[in-house]
Amino acid sequence: MRLSDLGDKEIVNLANGSRHGQLADAELLFDEQKGVIKAILLPDISGRFNFWGNKDYLQLPWNAIRKIGEDIIIFDVPEL
């Protein structure tokens, strides 16, 4: 599977069923030393903006992803 194939998938938290948009709207955080994805930075769906005018992000650790399905990415983080 290519990264471009993941863009339209909905991101859902298994812990509480909350939806966090699509992967195409997120940013990826890489470990430059190891060349691996560390986390997904999800836009804060509340729509709030911080003092500097930048959108707030929720950081989803890559290892929290439980399943990548045909239309959905399921992760498990109780505190989000």
PDB file of N, CA and C in Angstrom:
ATOM      1  N   MET A   1       0.844  -1.171   0.000  1.00  0.00           N
ATOM      2  CA  MET A   1       0.000   0.000   0.000  1.00  0.00           C
ATOM      3  C   MET A   1       0.894   1.240   0.000  1.00  0.00           C
ATOM      4  N   ARG A   2       0.536   2.212  -0.794  1.00  0.00           N
ATOM      5  CA  ARG A   2       1.277   3.461  -0.881  1.00  0.00           C
ATOM      6  C   ARG A   2       0.652   4.506   0.035  1.00  0.00           C
ATOM      7  N   LEU A   3       1.452   5.475   0.437  1.00  0.00           N
ATOM      8  CA  LEU A   3       0.951   6.543   1.287  1.00  0.00           C
ATOM      9  C   LEU A   3      -0.200   7.280   0.614  1.00  0.00           C
ATOM     10  N   SER A   4      -0.146   7.457  -0.683  1.00  0.00           N
ATOM     11  CA  SER A   4      -1.220   8.144  -1.407  1.00  0.00           C
ATOM     12  C   SER A   4      -2.543   7.380  -1.331  1.00  0.00           C
ATOM     13  N   ASP A   5      -2.487   6.069  -1.125  1.00  0.00           N
ATOM     14  CA  ASP A   5      -3.701   5.259  -0.988  1.00  0.00           C
ATOM     15  C   ASP A   5      -4.387   5.493   0.357  1.00  0.00           C
ATOM     16  N   LEU A   6      -3.668   6.037   1.322  1.00  0.00           N
ATOM     17  CA  LEU A   6      -4.214   6.242   2.658  1.00  0.00           C
ATOM     18  C   LEU A   6      -4.965   7.559   2.814  1.00  0.00           C
ATOM     19  N   GLY A   7      -4.765   8.505   1.906  1.00  0.00           N
ATOM     20  CA  GLY A   7      -5.268   9.867   2.052  1.00  0.00           C
ATOM     21  C   GLY A   7      -6.747  10.012   2.299  1.00  0.00           C
ATOM     22  N   ASP A   8      -7.591   9.228   1.662  1.00  0.00           N
ATOM     23  CA  ASP A   8      -9.044   9.371   1.799  1.00  0.00           C
ATOM     24  C   ASP A   8      -9.628   8.587   2.968  1.00  0.00           C
ATOM     25  N   LYS A   9      -8.803   7.902   3.709  1.00  0.00           N
ATOM     26  CA  LYS A   9      -9.315   7.079   4.812  1.00  0.00           C
ATOM     27  C   LYS A   9      -9.663   7.942   6.022  1.00  0.00           C
ATOM     28  N   GLU A  10     -10.814   7.663   6.619  1.00  0.00           N
ATOM     29  CA  GLU A  10     -11.276   8.340   7.826  1.00  0.00           C
ATOM     30  C   GLU A  10     -10.491   7.818   9.025  1.00  0.00           C
ATOM     31  N   ILE A  11     -10.134   8.703   9.943  1.00  0.00           N
ATOM     32  CA  ILE A  11      -9.372   8.327  11.141  1.00  0.00           C
ATOM     33  C   ILE A  11     -10.334   8.310  12.324  1.00  0.00           C
ATOM     34  N   VAL A  12     -10.456   7.146  12.992  1.00  0.00           N
ATOM     35  CA  VAL A  12     -11.426   6.958  14.073  1.00  0.00           C
ATOM     36  C   VAL A  12     -10.729   6.366  15.294  1.00  0.00           C
ATOM     37  N   ASN A  13     -11.088   6.891  16.481  1.00  0.00           N
ATOM     38  CA  ASN A  13     -10.537   6.403  17.741  1.00  0.00           C
ATOM     39  C   ASN A  13     -11.393   5.243  18.269  1.00  0.00           C
ATOM     40  N   LEU A  14     -10.784   4.092  18.438  1.00  0.00           N
ATOM     41  CA  LEU A  14     -11.470   2.907  18.946  1.00  0.00           C
ATOM     42  C   LEU A  14     -11.963   3.112  20.374  1.00  0.00           C
ATOM     43  N   ALA A  15     -11.226   3.883  21.174  1.00  0.00           N
ATOM     44  CA  ALA A  15     -11.560   4.058  22.587  1.00  0.00           C
ATOM     45  C   ALA A  15     -12.913   4.725  22.806  1.00  0.00           C
ATOM     46  N   ASN A  16     -13.250   5.723  21.960  1.00  0.00           N
ATOM     47  CA  ASN A  16     -14.509   6.436  22.184  1.00  0.00           C
ATOM     48  C   ASN A  16     -15.338   6.671  20.916  1.00  0.00           C
ATOM     49  N   GLY A  17     -14.871   6.161  19.779  1.00  0.00           N
ATOM     50  CA  GLY A  17     -15.610   6.289  18.533  1.00  0.00           C
ATOM     51  C   GLY A  17     -15.522   7.650  17.874  1.00  0.00           C
ATOM     52  N   SER A  18     -14.681   8.535  18.412  1.00  0.00           N
ATOM     53  CA  SER A  18     -14.586   9.881  17.832  1.00  0.00           C
ATOM     54  C   SER A  18     -13.885   9.847  16.480  1.00  0.00           C
ATOM     55  N   ARG A  19     -14.350  10.735  15.593  1.00  0.00           N
ATOM     56  CA  ARG A  19     -13.785  10.836  14.250  1.00  0.00           C
ATOM     57  C   ARG A  19     -12.840  12.031  14.217  1.00  0.00           C
ATOM     58  N   HIS A  20     -11.723  11.871  13.516  1.00  0.00           N
ATOM     59  CA  HIS A  20     -10.698  12.910  13.485  1.00  0.00           C
ATOM     60  C   HIS A  20     -10.326  13.312  12.069  1.00  0.00           C
ATOM     61  N   GLY A  21     -11.260  13.227  11.147  1.00  0.00           N
ATOM     62  CA  GLY A  21     -11.016  13.652   9.779  1.00  0.00           C
ATOM     63  C   GLY A  21     -10.344  12.585   8.938  1.00  0.00           C
ATOM     64  N   GLN A  22      -9.729  13.038   7.854  1.00  0.00           N
ATOM     65  CA  GLN A  22      -9.063  12.124   6.931  1.00  0.00           C
ATOM     66  C   GLN A  22      -7.559  12.300   7.017  1.00  0.00           C
ATOM     67  N   LEU A  23      -6.847  11.259   6.666  1.00  0.00           N
ATOM     68  CA  LEU A  23      -5.396  11.306   6.720  1.00  0.00           C
ATOM     69  C   LEU A  23      -4.843  12.389   5.792  1.00  0.00           C
ATOM     70  N   ALA A  24      -5.542  12.698   4.709  1.00  0.00           N
ATOM     71  CA  ALA A  24      -5.084  13.739   3.780  1.00  0.00           C
ATOM     72  C   ALA A  24      -4.999  15.104   4.458  1.00  0.00           C
ATOM     73  N   ASP A  25      -5.754  15.312   5.542  1.00  0.00           N
ATOM     74  CA  ASP A  25      -5.748  16.581   6.272  1.00  0.00           C
ATOM     75  C   ASP A  25      -4.699  16.619   7.374  1.00  0.00           C
ATOM     76  N   ALA A  26      -4.003  15.521   7.590  1.00  0.00           N
ATOM     77  CA  ALA A  26      -3.038  15.398   8.682  1.00  0.00           C
ATOM     78  C   ALA A  26      -1.612  15.616   8.180  1.00  0.00           C
ATOM     79  N   GLU A  27      -0.709  15.739   9.129  1.00  0.00           N
ATOM     80  CA  GLU A  27       0.723  15.828   8.854  1.00  0.00           C
ATOM     81  C   GLU A  27       1.383  14.591   9.457  1.00  0.00           C
ATOM     82  N   LEU A  28       2.501  14.182   8.896  1.00  0.00           N
ATOM     83  CA  LEU A  28       3.249  13.046   9.436  1.00  0.00           C
ATOM     84  C   LEU A  28       4.517  13.552  10.095  1.00  0.00           C
ATOM     85  N   LEU A  29       4.831  13.009  11.268  1.00  0.00           N
ATOM     86  CA  LEU A  29       6.036  13.358  12.004  1.00  0.00           C
ATOM     87  C   LEU A  29       7.016  12.194  11.862  1.00  0.00           C
ATOM     88  N   PHE A  30       8.194  12.460  11.281  1.00  0.00           N
ATOM     89  CA  PHE A  30       9.180  11.423  11.009  1.00  0.00           C
ATOM     90  C   PHE A  30      10.338  11.465  11.987  1.00  0.00           C
ATOM     91  N   ASP A  31      10.896  10.299  12.284  1.00  0.00           N
ATOM     92  CA  ASP A  31      12.166  10.192  12.988  1.00  0.00           C
ATOM     93  C   ASP A  31      13.238  10.191  11.902  1.00  0.00           C
ATOM     94  N   GLU A  32      13.943  11.288  11.779  1.00  0.00           N
ATOM     95  CA  GLU A  32      14.912  11.434  10.690  1.00  0.00           C
ATOM     96  C   GLU A  32      16.090  10.470  10.818  1.00  0.00           C
ATOM     97  N   GLN A  33      16.442  10.096  12.034  1.00  0.00           N
ATOM     98  CA  GLN A  33      17.560   9.177  12.244  1.00  0.00           C
ATOM     99  C   GLN A  33      17.231   7.756  11.792  1.00  0.00           C
ATOM    100  N   LYS A  34      16.019   7.309  12.103  1.00  0.00           N
ATOM    101  CA  LYS A  34      15.611   5.937  11.779  1.00  0.00           C
ATOM    102  C   LYS A  34      14.847   5.829  10.469  1.00  0.00           C
ATOM    103  N   GLY A  35      14.331   6.957   9.965  1.00  0.00           N
ATOM    104  CA  GLY A  35      13.570   6.938   8.720  1.00  0.00           C
ATOM    105  C   GLY A  35      12.202   6.297   8.850  1.00  0.00           C
ATOM    106  N   VAL A  36      11.566   6.446  10.015  1.00  0.00           N
ATOM    107  CA  VAL A  36      10.242   5.861  10.251  1.00  0.00           C
ATOM    108  C   VAL A  36       9.265   6.950  10.678  1.00  0.00           C
ATOM    109  N   ILE A  37       7.975   6.671  10.519  1.00  0.00           N
ATOM    110  CA  ILE A  37       6.935   7.587  10.964  1.00  0.00           C
ATOM    111  C   ILE A  37       6.781   7.439  12.473  1.00  0.00           C
ATOM    112  N   LYS A  38       6.873   8.558  13.198  1.00  0.00           N
ATOM    113  CA  LYS A  38       6.705   8.549  14.652  1.00  0.00           C
ATOM    114  C   LYS A  38       5.253   8.792  15.048  1.00  0.00           C
ATOM    115  N   ALA A  39       4.590   9.721  14.337  1.00  0.00           N
ATOM    116  CA  ALA A  39       3.241  10.106  14.744  1.00  0.00           C
ATOM    117  C   ALA A  39       2.501  10.758  13.574  1.00  0.00           C
ATOM    118  N   ILE A  40       1.192  10.824  13.738  1.00  0.00           N
ATOM    119  CA  ILE A  40       0.339  11.569  12.824  1.00  0.00           C
ATOM    120  C   ILE A  40      -0.134  12.795  13.593  1.00  0.00           C
ATOM    121  N   LEU A  41      -0.013  13.964  12.992  1.00  0.00           N
ATOM    122  CA  LEU A  41      -0.502  15.196  13.600  1.00  0.00           C
ATOM    123  C   LEU A  41      -1.860  15.504  12.990  1.00  0.00           C
ATOM    124  N   LEU A  42      -2.900  15.335  13.808  1.00  0.00           N
ATOM    125  CA  LEU A  42      -4.273  15.515  13.353  1.00  0.00           C
ATOM    126  C   LEU A  42      -4.750  16.918  13.676  1.00  0.00           C
ATOM    127  N   PRO A  43      -5.353  17.615  12.717  1.00  0.00           N
ATOM    128  CA  PRO A  43      -5.904  18.937  13.033  1.00  0.00           C
ATOM    129  C   PRO A  43      -6.953  18.815  14.126  1.00  0.00           C
ATOM    130  N   ASP A  44      -6.932  19.753  15.067  1.00  0.00           N
ATOM    131  CA  ASP A  44      -7.916  19.766  16.147  1.00  0.00           C
ATOM    132  C   ASP A  44      -9.276  20.066  15.535  1.00  0.00           C
ATOM    133  N   ILE A  45     -10.193  19.123  15.626  1.00  0.00           N
ATOM    134  CA  ILE A  45     -11.495  19.255  14.972  1.00  0.00           C
ATOM    135  C   ILE A  45     -12.399  20.291  15.637  1.00  0.00           C
ATOM    136  N   SER A  46     -12.000  20.817  16.796  1.00  0.00           N
ATOM    137  CA  SER A  46     -12.820  21.845  17.443  1.00  0.00           C
ATOM    138  C   SER A  46     -12.732  23.169  16.698  1.00  0.00           C
ATOM    139  N   GLY A  47     -11.721  23.290  15.801  1.00  0.00           N
ATOM    140  CA  GLY A  47     -11.594  24.497  15.000  1.00  0.00           C
ATOM    141  C   GLY A  47     -10.957  25.665  15.719  1.00  0.00           C
ATOM    142  N   ARG A  48     -10.429  25.444  16.915  1.00  0.00           N
ATOM    143  CA  ARG A  48      -9.792  26.532  17.654  1.00  0.00           C
ATOM    144  C   ARG A  48      -8.452  26.888  17.022  1.00  0.00           C
ATOM    145  N   PHE A  49      -8.066  28.121  17.192  1.00  0.00           N
ATOM    146  CA  PHE A  49      -6.762  28.579  16.729  1.00  0.00           C
ATOM    147  C   PHE A  49      -5.984  29.074  17.933  1.00  0.00           C
ATOM    148  N   ASN A  50      -4.680  28.832  17.926  1.00  0.00           N
ATOM    149  CA  ASN A  50      -3.886  29.287  19.051  1.00  0.00           C
ATOM    150  C   ASN A  50      -3.499  30.755  18.881  1.00  0.00           C
ATOM    151  N   PHE A  51      -2.754  31.282  19.812  1.00  0.00           N
ATOM    152  CA  PHE A  51      -2.373  32.687  19.852  1.00  0.00           C
ATOM    153  C   PHE A  51      -1.681  33.141  18.576  1.00  0.00           C
ATOM    154  N   TRP A  52      -0.871  32.300  17.979  1.00  0.00           N
ATOM    155  CA  TRP A  52      -0.099  32.671  16.793  1.00  0.00           C
ATOM    156  C   TRP A  52      -0.892  32.503  15.501  1.00  0.00           C
ATOM    157  N   GLY A  53      -2.145  32.089  15.589  1.00  0.00           N
ATOM    158  CA  GLY A  53      -2.975  31.946  14.402  1.00  0.00           C
ATOM    159  C   GLY A  53      -2.817  30.598  13.721  1.00  0.00           C
ATOM    160  N   ASN A  54      -2.042  29.710  14.314  1.00  0.00           N
ATOM    161  CA  ASN A  54      -1.864  28.367  13.748  1.00  0.00           C
ATOM    162  C   ASN A  54      -2.903  27.437  14.331  1.00  0.00           C
ATOM    163  N   LYS A  55      -3.327  26.498  13.542  1.00  0.00           N
ATOM    164  CA  LYS A  55      -4.298  25.521  14.006  1.00  0.00           C
ATOM    165  C   LYS A  55      -3.626  24.573  15.003  1.00  0.00           C
ATOM    166  N   ASP A  56      -4.351  24.187  16.034  1.00  0.00           N
ATOM    167  CA  ASP A  56      -3.842  23.226  17.007  1.00  0.00           C
ATOM    168  C   ASP A  56      -3.888  21.823  16.417  1.00  0.00           C
ATOM    169  N   TYR A  57      -2.955  20.982  16.845  1.00  0.00           N
ATOM    170  CA  TYR A  57      -2.890  19.607  16.370  1.00  0.00           C
ATOM    171  C   TYR A  57      -2.907  18.636  17.539  1.00  0.00           C
ATOM    172  N   LEU A  58      -3.490  17.477  17.304  1.00  0.00           N
ATOM    173  CA  LEU A  58      -3.428  16.359  18.234  1.00  0.00           C
ATOM    174  C   LEU A  58      -2.374  15.401  17.700  1.00  0.00           C
ATOM    175  N   GLN A  59      -1.488  14.936  18.566  1.00  0.00           N
ATOM    176  CA  GLN A  59      -0.435  14.019  18.127  1.00  0.00           C
ATOM    177  C   GLN A  59      -0.849  12.587  18.411  1.00  0.00           C
ATOM    178  N   LEU A  60      -0.962  11.808  17.358  1.00  0.00           N
ATOM    179  CA  LEU A  60      -1.351  10.404  17.440  1.00  0.00           C
ATOM    180  C   LEU A  60      -0.111   9.542  17.197  1.00  0.00           C
ATOM    181  N   PRO A  61       0.380   8.833  18.214  1.00  0.00           N
ATOM    182  CA  PRO A  61       1.556   7.974  18.006  1.00  0.00           C
ATOM    183  C   PRO A  61       1.274   6.911  16.947  1.00  0.00           C
ATOM    184  N   TRP A  62       2.222   6.680  16.079  1.00  0.00           N
ATOM    185  CA  TRP A  62       2.058   5.707  15.000  1.00  0.00           C
ATOM    186  C   TRP A  62       1.733   4.319  15.560  1.00  0.00           C
ATOM    187  N   ASN A  63       2.321   3.978  16.705  1.00  0.00           N
ATOM    188  CA  ASN A  63       2.079   2.644  17.277  1.00  0.00           C
ATOM    189  C   ASN A  63       0.689   2.506  17.893  1.00  0.00           C
ATOM    190  N   ALA A  64      -0.115   3.587  17.919  1.00  0.00           N
ATOM    191  CA  ALA A  64      -1.490   3.506  18.419  1.00  0.00           C
ATOM    192  C   ALA A  64      -2.460   3.031  17.338  1.00  0.00           C
ATOM    193  N   ILE A  65      -2.001   2.958  16.098  1.00  0.00           N
ATOM    194  CA  ILE A  65      -2.861   2.477  15.015  1.00  0.00           C
ATOM    195  C   ILE A  65      -3.071   0.975  15.179  1.00  0.00           C
ATOM    196  N   ARG A  66      -4.336   0.566  15.192  1.00  0.00           N
ATOM    197  CA  ARG A  66      -4.682  -0.851  15.387  1.00  0.00           C
ATOM    198  C   ARG A  66      -5.018  -1.542  14.077  1.00  0.00           C
ATOM    199  N   LYS A  67      -5.630  -0.805  13.137  1.00  0.00           N
ATOM    200  CA  LYS A  67      -6.061  -1.430  11.890  1.00  0.00           C
ATOM    201  C   LYS A  67      -6.193  -0.373  10.806  1.00  0.00           C
ATOM    202  N   ILE A  68      -5.687  -0.694   9.623  1.00  0.00           N
ATOM    203  CA  ILE A  68      -5.903   0.137   8.447  1.00  0.00           C
ATOM    204  C   ILE A  68      -6.776  -0.674   7.516  1.00  0.00           C
ATOM    205  N   GLY A  69      -8.034  -0.245   7.389  1.00  0.00           N
ATOM    206  CA  GLY A  69      -8.994  -0.967   6.574  1.00  0.00           C
ATOM    207  C   GLY A  69      -9.166  -0.326   5.211  1.00  0.00           C
ATOM    208  N   GLU A  70     -10.188  -0.774   4.503  1.00  0.00           N
ATOM    209  CA  GLU A  70     -10.447  -0.291   3.151  1.00  0.00           C
ATOM    210  C   GLU A  70     -10.828   1.191   3.135  1.00  0.00           C
ATOM    211  N   ASP A  71     -11.604   1.656   4.139  1.00  0.00           N
ATOM    212  CA  ASP A  71     -12.083   3.035   4.179  1.00  0.00           C
ATOM    213  C   ASP A  71     -11.729   3.774   5.462  1.00  0.00           C
ATOM    214  N   ILE A  72     -11.049   3.109   6.398  1.00  0.00           N
ATOM    215  CA  ILE A  72     -10.894   3.674   7.735  1.00  0.00           C
ATOM    216  C   ILE A  72      -9.546   3.296   8.340  1.00  0.00           C
ATOM    217  N   ILE A  73      -9.052   4.180   9.189  1.00  0.00           N
ATOM    218  CA  ILE A  73      -7.865   3.893  10.010  1.00  0.00           C
ATOM    219  C   ILE A  73      -8.328   3.947  11.451  1.00  0.00           C
ATOM    220  N   ILE A  74      -8.154   2.853  12.180  1.00  0.00           N
ATOM    221  CA  ILE A  74      -8.598   2.768  13.566  1.00  0.00           C
ATOM    222  C   ILE A  74      -7.389   2.842  14.484  1.00  0.00           C
ATOM    223  N   PHE A  75      -7.448   3.755  15.450  1.00  0.00           N
ATOM    224  CA  PHE A  75      -6.390   3.846  16.452  1.00  0.00           C
ATOM    225  C   PHE A  75      -7.020   3.780  17.834  1.00  0.00           C
ATOM    226  N   ASP A  76      -6.206   3.530  18.849  1.00  0.00           N
ATOM    227  CA  ASP A  76      -6.715   3.375  20.211  1.00  0.00           C
ATOM    228  C   ASP A  76      -5.901   4.255  21.154  1.00  0.00           C
ATOM    229  N   VAL A  77      -6.469   5.429  21.490  1.00  0.00           N
ATOM    230  CA  VAL A  77      -5.869   6.351  22.456  1.00  0.00           C
ATOM    231  C   VAL A  77      -6.998   6.849  23.358  1.00  0.00           C
ATOM    232  N   PRO A  78      -7.081   6.320  24.577  1.00  0.00           N
ATOM    233  CA  PRO A  78      -8.197   6.678  25.470  1.00  0.00           C
ATOM    234  C   PRO A  78      -8.311   8.156  25.802  1.00  0.00           C
ATOM    235  N   GLU A  79      -7.207   8.884  25.917  1.00  0.00           N
ATOM    236  CA  GLU A  79      -7.275  10.274  26.372  1.00  0.00           C
ATOM    237  C   GLU A  79      -7.615  11.298  25.297  1.00  0.00           C
ATOM    238  N   LEU A  80      -7.750  10.906  24.036  1.00  0.00           N
ATOM    239  CA  LEU A  80      -8.108  11.878  22.981  1.00  0.00           C
ATOM    240  C   LEU A  80      -9.599  12.060  22.906  1.00  0.00           C
TER     241      LEU A  80
END
